[in-house]
Amino acid sequence: METAFFSAAFALYAASTGLALAYVFSRRERITLWMWHLLGFALAFHMAGFGLRTAAFWRASEHRYLLPIHTWFGALSAIAFFNALIFWLVEGLARLKILGAFVLPWTLICAGAALAFADPAVAALAPDLRSSLLNAHPLLLMLSYTAFANAFGVSLALLIQERQIKSRKPTEICYRLPAIEDLDRLQSRIIAAAFLALSAGIALGVLWTFRVKGKPWGADAKVLAAWTTWVLYAAFLAGRRFAGLRGRRAAQASMLAFASLVFTLVAGNSLSELHAFLSNGK
């Protein structure tokens, strides 16, 4: 039943993403309203499926009150959900409309990868991982990942808008995208909020590692990649605060940091010993 709900959510995500992309080439304002409503239904189906998954996970008493996000299916599903949820809330409040074309594809990619390549079975947690402290660690990181994905979409829109403005023949998309200053300010605010979640998630991971392993961290591939990502986003925020980092340079710095984040999530897991539970989990 969970798979049926998730498949329905994926279909609605695909429809929402299709409408978001269609709006780029259409003048029909209602398209974005349909997109927003379909995305809301997709989130509802996704949440229902995750509720069933959690109920099955909680049948084992040792898993009670923990979330099943420790496998690739659980992780990709959570990232897809949070990415869509953050955009749905932002769109509901700010009505940025065209930005869905730059943000929703990440949800479609993650949800599709979960369906195509990951095993939806609810796997048991290793004894060392049965901790509410550690369970909050990936949850905070996934929230930050999806917020950074939204910021990446805004950065991409900013670069396109700048190119359009400098062009002698701007296309229709130039008049649909927000002003460069608004995009620049939005990406900064999203990154600042996401950076807090990233920092808290890393801090919980360090605390758990110290409790279990007797040391805060080691020469682990994903840990080193995560710290690299943290430094790049910290440099972005410091650059805005003290060096006037704005516009195209800010967007490029944001996209570089996001590339590091993608490496942390994908390649980092494959090379990691501490996170082998995720890279081995299907």
Foldseek 3Di string as FASTA:
>chain_A
DLVVLLVQLLVLLVVLLVLLVVVLVDPDPCSLVSSLVSLVSSLVSLVVSQVVLLVVQVVPVLQPPFGQLLALLNVLSLLLNLLSVVVSVCCVVPVLRNLSNLRSVSSSVSSVCSVPPADPDRDHDDPLCSDPLLSLLSVLLSNLLSLLSSLLSLLVLLVLLVVQVPDPDRDPSNVSGDDSVVSFVVSLVSLVVSLVSLVSSLQSQQVSCCVPVVGSDDPFQLNVLSVVLSVLSVVLNCCVVPVVDTGNSSSVSSVVSSVSVVCSVPVSLVRGDVSVSHVVHD
